[in-house]
Amino acid sequence: MDALKRTPLYELHQSLGAKMVPFAGYEMPVQYPLGVLKEHLHTREAAGLFDVSHMGQVILRGDDPEAVALALEALVPVSVAGLKEDRQRYALFTNDEGGIEDDLMIANRGDHLFLVVNAACKEADVARLRAGLEPKGVTVEYLEDRALLALQGPGAEAALAALNPAVREMRFMDVATVELAGAEAWVSRSGYTGEDGYEISVPETAAEELARALLDQAGVEPIGLGARDSLRLEAGLCLYGHDIDTTTTPVAASLPWAIQKVRRKGGDREGGFPGAEVVLAEFETGAATARVGLKPEGRAPMREGVALYESDAGGEPVGKVTSGGFGPTVGGPVAMGYVPAALSEPGTRVFGEVRGKRLPVEVVKLPFVTQTYKR
């Protein structure tokens, strides 16, 4: 078994009393002394600082930036060439069956593209990028000397603006290079909580100083992976390997909004990505299943793996829960999962089997909490 890796903020986590757990090959903080429930609520009410340095950061370069963008479009179903400079876009890697190999963020920085990919998939993603892009003259640079922080919540703007007021002018999915605590930082106004906030890439040598500077701001607390998961679940955001994977298509995953019209049927650059035939056909006919919000009736959470049934007795499972738990902001259990398209309308009742009992669950519209991005 390989030894667990540590992020540049490991010593800081230790000093803050974090409980560390294995995650995607790293020792990561799952919670701090405040506790998961209070960390979750604090992020919704003020500002939370997350260490997400385990994620993969990649730069794509070439002689012609437009050619680089078009080359990447052969691997993802989204419009990269249509992404304006200093803007960021959610994207997906797909396979030949239309399944999702990973989800990622793509930023257009003018003379290069900056990508952030999931920790558990980053080695496979970099290999995919090199195999698909290097023959086309694109340089794929995997950055191993940078940390990544996320500052999330209604107090995030004030906290980060105390270090550089320029970040106030940014809007959701804007990206910029700004100086923070003496370091050059690549900042995007984005995140994984449904709240306004920023993700900040800095050299690993500057990470602890920046993190401490942010934690010194009023209302900022360190937040662990436990609250990060419950925050993203309430926001209706997918966790790769759970809510989306190689067997789920973008349409089944309720992510059609991530594929711009120019890449769909009738667009100038339609198709041309792995699984295009399957994915584009589903835009016309629909997918057999759909990712939906699920609200268990009562107080018992329904966690990942719970089988879903159409009735309270008999029959085979028709779906399953892919993420579930207690939603602190909602004040009750929340979940996401897959059901047949015919059962995906909000208000539909299905049944989840927990410890041999089938309990009622209502299909609801996502997200569970209103997203507060600054547009």
Protein backbone atom coordinates (compact mmCIF):
# COMPACT_ATOMS: atom_id res chain seq x y z
CA MET A 1 0.00 0.00 0.00
CA ASP A 2 1.40 3.38 -0.99
CA ALA A 3 2.05 5.89 1.77
CA LEU A 4 -0.51 8.67 2.02
CA LYS A 5 0.55 12.01 0.59
CA ARG A 6 0.30 15.28 2.48
CA THR A 7 -0.71 18.70 1.21
CA PRO A 8 1.43 21.80 1.90
CA LEU A 9 -1.04 22.67 4.70
CA TYR A 10 -0.65 19.42 6.66
CA GLU A 11 1.25 21.04 9.54
CA LEU A 12 -1.35 23.82 9.73
CA HIS A 13 -4.14 21.27 9.95
CA GLN A 14 -2.31 19.55 12.79
CA SER A 15 -1.86 22.81 14.67
CA LEU A 16 -5.58 23.58 14.27
CA GLY A 17 -6.57 20.26 15.83
CA ALA A 18 -7.93 18.65 12.67
CA LYS A 19 -8.99 15.03 12.57
CA MET A 20 -7.12 13.58 9.59
CA VAL A 21 -8.43 10.76 7.39
CA PRO A 22 -7.29 9.04 4.17
CA PHE A 23 -8.92 10.57 1.08
CA ALA A 24 -7.91 10.08 -2.57
CA GLY A 25 -4.42 9.02 -1.49
CA TYR A 26 -3.90 11.97 0.89
CA GLU A 27 -4.14 12.65 4.60
CA MET A 28 -6.94 15.22 4.68
CA PRO A 29 -8.83 17.04 7.45
CA VAL A 30 -12.34 15.65 7.81
CA GLN A 31 -13.23 18.06 10.62
CA TYR A 32 -11.79 20.50 13.15
CA PRO A 33 -12.74 20.99 16.83
CA LEU A 34 -15.78 23.04 15.75
CA GLY A 35 -17.34 19.82 14.37
CA VAL A 36 -18.97 19.00 11.04
CA LEU A 37 -22.43 20.42 11.86
CA LYS A 38 -21.14 23.79 13.07
CA GLU A 39 -18.56 23.96 10.24
CA HIS A 40 -21.37 23.47 7.72
CA LEU A 41 -23.58 26.15 9.25
CA HIS A 42 -20.66 28.54 9.69
CA THR A 43 -19.86 28.33 5.97
CA ARG A 44 -23.48 29.11 5.10
CA GLU A 45 -23.53 32.06 7.53
CA ALA A 46 -19.99 33.51 7.35
CA ALA A 47 -16.92 32.04 5.61
CA GLY A 48 -15.12 28.71 5.55
CA LEU A 49 -11.59 27.94 4.37
CA PHE A 50 -10.99 24.55 2.74
CA ASP A 51 -7.73 22.88 1.74
CA VAL A 52 -8.32 21.31 -1.69
CA SER A 53 -4.65 20.98 -2.64
CA HIS A 54 -5.19 17.27 -3.38
CA MET A 55 -6.93 18.28 -6.61
CA GLY A 56 -4.96 18.17 -9.86
CA GLN A 57 -3.85 21.41 -11.56
CA VAL A 58 -2.86 21.32 -15.23
CA ILE A 59 -1.79 23.89 -17.84
CA LEU A 60 -2.29 23.39 -21.58
CA ARG A 61 -0.16 25.46 -23.98
CA GLY A 62 0.48 25.66 -27.70
CA ASP A 63 1.56 28.07 -30.41
CA ASP A 64 -2.07 28.88 -31.24
CA PRO A 65 -4.44 29.17 -28.23
CA GLU A 66 -7.50 28.60 -30.41
CA ALA A 67 -5.96 25.38 -31.76
CA VAL A 68 -5.35 24.26 -28.16
CA ALA A 69 -9.00 24.91 -27.32
CA LEU A 70 -10.24 23.00 -30.36
CA ALA A 71 -7.89 20.11 -29.59
CA LEU A 72 -9.33 19.87 -26.06
CA GLU A 73 -12.84 19.83 -27.51
CA ALA A 74 -12.02 16.40 -28.94
CA LEU A 75 -11.92 15.11 -25.33
CA VAL A 76 -14.83 17.03 -23.74
CA PRO A 77 -18.39 17.76 -24.92
CA VAL A 78 -18.30 21.42 -23.88
CA SER A 79 -17.36 24.49 -25.89
CA VAL A 80 -13.78 25.42 -25.06
CA ALA A 81 -13.13 27.63 -28.10
CA GLY A 82 -16.18 29.70 -27.11
CA LEU A 83 -14.87 30.36 -23.60
CA LYS A 84 -13.91 34.02 -23.21
CA GLU A 85 -10.56 35.06 -21.78
CA ASP A 86 -10.47 35.15 -17.99
CA ARG A 87 -13.60 33.02 -17.72
CA GLN A 88 -14.02 29.49 -16.39
CA ARG A 89 -16.39 26.65 -17.37
CA TYR A 90 -17.51 23.34 -15.88
CA ALA A 91 -16.65 20.41 -18.13
CA LEU A 92 -16.69 16.63 -18.40
CA PHE A 93 -14.41 13.96 -19.81
CA THR A 94 -16.55 11.34 -21.56
CA ASN A 95 -15.83 7.84 -22.81
CA ASP A 96 -16.89 6.09 -26.02
CA GLU A 97 -20.14 4.94 -24.38
CA GLY A 98 -21.02 8.47 -23.31
CA GLY A 99 -20.13 7.77 -19.67
CA ILE A 100 -18.38 10.37 -17.54
CA GLU A 101 -14.68 9.73 -16.83
CA ASP A 102 -14.32 12.84 -14.62
CA ASP A 103 -15.66 16.34 -14.17
CA LEU A 104 -13.34 19.33 -14.17
CA MET A 105 -13.01 23.09 -14.47
CA ILE A 106 -11.46 24.80 -17.52
CA ALA A 107 -10.23 28.41 -17.39
CA ASN A 108 -9.14 30.48 -20.39
CA ARG A 109 -6.08 32.50 -19.35
CA GLY A 110 -5.38 33.96 -22.78
CA ASP A 111 -2.15 32.26 -23.78
CA HIS A 112 -3.00 29.00 -21.99
CA LEU A 113 -5.81 26.92 -20.50
CA PHE A 114 -5.81 26.11 -16.79
CA LEU A 115 -7.59 22.92 -15.68
CA VAL A 116 -8.53 21.62 -12.24
CA VAL A 117 -9.39 17.91 -12.08
CA ASN A 118 -10.47 15.58 -9.29
CA ALA A 119 -7.84 14.13 -6.98
CA ALA A 120 -8.76 10.47 -7.48
CA CYS A 121 -8.75 10.85 -11.29
CA LYS A 122 -5.84 13.20 -11.86
CA GLU A 123 -3.27 10.62 -12.99
CA ALA A 124 -5.71 9.12 -15.50
CA ASP A 125 -6.79 12.60 -16.61
CA VAL A 126 -3.23 13.75 -17.25
CA ALA A 127 -2.54 10.55 -19.21
CA ARG A 128 -5.72 11.16 -21.23
CA LEU A 129 -4.70 14.74 -21.96
CA ARG A 130 -1.18 13.78 -23.00
CA ALA A 131 -2.36 10.96 -25.27
CA GLY A 132 -5.00 13.13 -26.91
CA LEU A 133 -3.27 16.50 -27.10
CA GLU A 134 0.51 16.08 -27.34
CA PRO A 135 0.30 14.58 -30.87
CA LYS A 136 -1.49 17.80 -31.83
CA GLY A 137 1.36 20.00 -30.57
CA VAL A 138 -0.18 20.84 -27.18
CA THR A 139 2.08 20.87 -24.11
CA VAL A 140 0.46 19.29 -21.04
CA GLU A 141 2.05 20.55 -17.81
CA TYR A 142 0.97 18.89 -14.56
CA LEU A 143 1.64 21.31 -11.68
CA GLU A 144 2.99 19.58 -8.59
CA ASP A 145 4.25 22.67 -6.79
CA ARG A 146 1.00 24.57 -6.20
CA ALA A 147 -1.62 24.42 -3.46
CA LEU A 148 -5.34 25.06 -3.87
CA LEU A 149 -7.56 26.74 -1.29
CA ALA A 150 -11.30 27.38 -1.35
CA LEU A 151 -12.85 30.28 0.56
CA GLN A 152 -16.63 29.91 0.65
CA GLY A 153 -19.63 31.66 2.15
CA PRO A 154 -21.30 35.08 2.31
CA GLY A 155 -18.27 36.49 4.14
CA ALA A 156 -15.77 35.24 1.55
CA GLU A 157 -15.66 38.44 -0.48
CA ALA A 158 -14.92 40.68 2.51
CA ALA A 159 -12.26 38.31 3.83
CA LEU A 160 -10.40 38.00 0.54
CA ALA A 161 -10.84 41.69 -0.32
CA ALA A 162 -9.03 42.55 2.91
CA LEU A 163 -5.95 41.07 1.22
CA ASN A 164 -6.67 42.51 -2.24
CA PRO A 165 -9.75 44.69 -2.96
CA ALA A 166 -9.62 43.79 -6.67
CA VAL A 167 -11.43 40.50 -5.99
CA ARG A 168 -14.64 42.42 -5.25
CA GLU A 169 -15.03 43.15 -8.97
CA MET A 170 -15.00 39.48 -9.95
CA ARG A 171 -18.25 37.72 -10.86
CA PHE A 172 -19.18 34.03 -10.78
CA MET A 173 -16.77 32.05 -12.98
CA ASP A 174 -14.40 34.99 -13.52
CA VAL A 175 -10.69 34.17 -13.16
CA ALA A 176 -7.83 36.57 -12.43
CA THR A 177 -4.23 36.74 -11.28
CA VAL A 178 -3.92 38.83 -8.10
CA GLU A 179 -1.38 39.27 -5.34
CA LEU A 180 -2.44 37.77 -2.01
CA ALA A 181 -0.25 37.84 1.09
CA GLY A 182 2.79 38.58 -1.10
CA ALA A 183 2.19 35.69 -3.50
CA GLU A 184 0.93 35.55 -7.08
CA ALA A 185 -2.43 33.80 -6.87
CA TRP A 186 -4.71 32.47 -9.60
CA VAL A 187 -8.21 33.15 -8.36
CA SER A 188 -11.57 32.01 -9.68
CA ARG A 189 -14.90 33.12 -8.24
CA SER A 190 -16.36 29.66 -7.88
CA GLY A 191 -16.64 26.79 -5.45
CA TYR A 192 -18.37 23.60 -4.38
CA THR A 193 -20.82 24.71 -1.69
CA GLY A 194 -23.55 26.64 -3.52
CA GLU A 195 -22.31 29.78 -1.77
CA ASP A 196 -20.44 32.75 -3.18
CA GLY A 197 -16.72 32.25 -2.86
CA TYR A 198 -13.32 31.76 -4.45
CA GLU A 199 -10.85 29.02 -5.32
CA ILE A 200 -7.24 30.12 -5.03
CA SER A 201 -4.15 28.48 -6.55
CA VAL A 202 -0.84 29.57 -5.04
CA PRO A 203 2.74 28.28 -4.98
CA GLU A 204 2.98 25.61 -2.26
CA THR A 205 5.65 27.66 -0.48
CA ALA A 206 3.12 30.48 0.01
CA ALA A 207 0.12 28.32 0.98
CA GLU A 208 0.44 28.37 4.76
CA GLU A 209 1.06 32.11 4.96
CA LEU A 210 -1.99 32.78 2.81
CA ALA A 211 -4.15 30.34 4.77
CA ARG A 212 -3.15 31.97 8.06
CA ALA A 213 -3.83 35.43 6.64
CA LEU A 214 -7.33 34.33 5.66
CA LEU A 215 -7.99 32.62 8.99
CA ASP A 216 -6.98 35.87 10.71
CA GLN A 217 -9.95 37.60 9.02
CA ALA A 218 -13.13 38.01 11.04
CA GLY A 219 -15.62 35.23 10.49
CA VAL A 220 -13.29 32.77 8.71
CA GLU A 221 -13.01 29.23 10.12
CA PRO A 222 -11.17 26.15 8.79
CA ILE A 223 -13.60 23.60 7.34
CA GLY A 224 -13.02 19.89 6.69
CA LEU A 225 -14.16 17.33 4.17
CA GLY A 226 -17.19 16.32 6.24
CA ALA A 227 -18.87 19.70 5.91
CA ARG A 228 -17.63 20.08 2.34
CA ASP A 229 -19.64 16.97 1.46
CA SER A 230 -22.85 18.04 3.20
CA LEU A 231 -22.58 21.54 1.72
CA ARG A 232 -22.22 20.28 -1.86
CA LEU A 233 -25.05 17.77 -1.34
CA GLU A 234 -27.45 20.51 -0.21
CA ALA A 235 -26.32 22.51 -3.26
CA GLY A 236 -27.18 19.58 -5.56
CA LEU A 237 -23.59 19.25 -6.81
CA CYS A 238 -22.19 15.92 -8.01
CA LEU A 239 -19.35 14.01 -6.38
CA TYR A 240 -17.40 12.06 -8.96
CA GLY A 241 -17.37 8.31 -8.35
CA HIS A 242 -20.68 8.56 -6.51
CA ASP A 243 -23.30 10.67 -8.33
CA ILE A 244 -21.53 10.47 -11.68
CA ASP A 245 -19.16 7.87 -13.08
CA THR A 246 -18.27 5.94 -16.22
CA THR A 247 -21.77 4.43 -16.38
CA THR A 248 -23.70 7.72 -16.22
CA THR A 249 -24.14 10.01 -19.22
CA PRO A 250 -24.36 13.81 -18.95
CA VAL A 251 -28.08 13.70 -19.81
CA ALA A 252 -28.89 10.96 -17.29
CA ALA A 253 -26.85 12.90 -14.70
CA SER A 254 -29.09 15.96 -15.28
CA LEU A 255 -26.09 17.91 -16.59
CA PRO A 256 -27.28 18.84 -20.11
CA TRP A 257 -26.72 22.52 -19.25
CA ALA A 258 -22.97 21.77 -19.24
CA ILE A 259 -23.01 21.07 -22.99
CA GLN A 260 -23.43 24.27 -24.97
CA LYS A 261 -25.66 24.37 -28.05
CA VAL A 262 -22.67 24.69 -30.37
CA ARG A 263 -21.61 21.16 -29.38
CA ARG A 264 -25.10 19.68 -29.79
CA LYS A 265 -26.92 18.67 -32.98
CA GLY A 266 -27.13 21.61 -35.36
CA GLY A 267 -24.10 23.39 -33.90
CA ASP A 268 -21.06 24.36 -35.91
CA ARG A 269 -18.87 22.08 -33.80
CA GLU A 270 -21.39 19.40 -32.88
CA GLY A 271 -20.09 16.01 -31.85
CA GLY A 272 -16.40 15.31 -32.19
CA PHE A 273 -16.02 14.10 -28.60
CA PRO A 274 -15.96 10.60 -27.08
CA GLY A 275 -19.45 9.11 -26.89
CA ALA A 276 -20.99 11.89 -28.98
CA GLU A 277 -23.36 9.53 -30.78
CA VAL A 278 -24.81 8.30 -27.48
CA VAL A 279 -24.92 11.68 -25.74
CA LEU A 280 -26.40 13.61 -28.66
CA ALA A 281 -29.04 10.92 -29.21
CA GLU A 282 -30.11 11.35 -25.57
CA PHE A 283 -30.66 15.05 -26.16
CA GLU A 284 -33.27 13.98 -28.72
CA THR A 285 -34.87 11.00 -26.98
CA GLY A 286 -33.99 11.51 -23.33
CA ALA A 287 -32.08 9.14 -21.03
CA ALA A 288 -33.61 6.07 -19.44
CA THR A 289 -32.73 7.27 -15.95
CA ALA A 290 -32.33 10.65 -14.25
CA ARG A 291 -30.41 12.04 -11.30
CA VAL A 292 -32.89 13.64 -8.92
CA GLY A 293 -33.13 15.19 -5.52
CA LEU A 294 -34.62 12.91 -2.88
CA LYS A 295 -36.27 14.03 0.37
CA PRO A 296 -36.85 11.16 2.78
CA GLU A 297 -40.00 11.55 4.85
CA GLY A 298 -39.12 11.52 8.53
CA ARG A 299 -35.75 12.03 10.19
CA ALA A 300 -33.78 8.96 9.10
CA PRO A 301 -31.05 9.75 6.53
CA MET A 302 -30.79 7.55 3.44
CA ARG A 303 -27.17 7.10 2.51
CA GLU A 304 -25.34 6.03 -0.61
CA GLY A 305 -26.32 2.57 -1.82
CA VAL A 306 -29.90 2.53 -0.49
CA ALA A 307 -32.10 0.76 -3.05
CA LEU A 308 -35.18 2.61 -4.34
CA TYR A 309 -38.47 0.91 -5.16
CA GLU A 310 -41.65 2.01 -6.90
CA SER A 311 -43.88 0.57 -4.18
CA ASP A 312 -43.68 -0.16 -0.47
CA ALA A 313 -43.81 -3.94 -1.00
CA GLY A 314 -42.62 -6.38 -3.65
CA GLY A 315 -40.93 -5.70 -6.95
CA GLU A 316 -37.33 -5.18 -7.96
CA PRO A 317 -35.28 -2.03 -7.21
CA VAL A 318 -35.81 0.73 -9.77
CA GLY A 319 -33.00 3.02 -8.64
CA LYS A 320 -30.55 3.84 -5.87
CA VAL A 321 -29.28 6.63 -3.66
CA THR A 322 -25.84 7.89 -4.72
CA SER A 323 -25.31 10.55 -2.00
CA GLY A 324 -27.24 11.07 1.19
CA GLY A 325 -27.09 12.31 4.74
CA PHE A 326 -28.34 14.99 7.10
CA GLY A 327 -28.65 18.50 5.64
CA PRO A 328 -27.88 20.94 8.47
CA THR A 329 -29.28 23.97 6.60
CA VAL A 330 -32.37 22.04 5.52
CA GLY A 331 -32.79 20.61 9.01
CA GLY A 332 -33.43 17.08 7.85
CA PRO A 333 -32.27 14.24 5.61
CA VAL A 334 -31.41 14.96 1.97
CA ALA A 335 -30.17 12.72 -0.81
CA MET A 336 -29.54 12.40 -4.53
CA GLY A 337 -29.89 9.34 -6.70
CA TYR A 338 -31.09 7.79 -9.93
CA VAL A 339 -34.63 6.75 -10.81
CA PRO A 340 -36.30 5.82 -14.11
CA ALA A 341 -37.16 8.88 -16.19
CA ALA A 342 -40.88 8.11 -15.68
CA LEU A 343 -40.43 8.57 -11.93
CA SER A 344 -38.26 11.70 -12.08
CA GLU A 345 -40.92 14.40 -11.82
CA PRO A 346 -40.85 16.41 -8.55
CA GLY A 347 -43.57 15.22 -6.23
CA THR A 348 -43.23 11.57 -7.25
CA ARG A 349 -43.07 9.17 -4.31
CA VAL A 350 -40.66 6.23 -4.23
CA PHE A 351 -39.46 4.04 -1.36
CA GLY A 352 -35.98 3.53 0.03
CA GLU A 353 -35.16 0.29 1.82
CA VAL A 354 -33.33 0.90 5.10
CA ARG A 355 -32.61 -2.04 7.41
CA GLY A 356 -35.30 -4.14 5.73
CA LYS A 357 -38.01 -1.47 5.88
CA ARG A 358 -39.24 0.55 2.92
CA LEU A 359 -39.58 4.20 3.83
CA PRO A 360 -41.24 6.88 1.66
CA VAL A 361 -39.06 9.32 -0.28
CA GLU A 362 -40.23 12.31 -2.33
CA VAL A 363 -38.53 13.24 -5.59
CA VAL A 364 -37.73 16.96 -5.35
CA LYS A 365 -36.13 19.63 -7.50
CA LEU A 366 -32.45 20.38 -6.90
CA PRO A 367 -30.79 22.20 -5.22
CA PHE A 368 -32.03 21.87 -1.65
CA VAL A 369 -30.70 25.35 -0.80
CA THR A 370 -30.72 28.47 -2.95
CA GLN A 371 -27.37 29.06 -4.61
CA THR A 372 -25.91 32.50 -3.89
CA TYR A 373 -23.32 32.95 -6.64
CA LYS A 374 -22.47 36.57 -7.45
CA ARG A 375 -23.45 36.97 -11.08
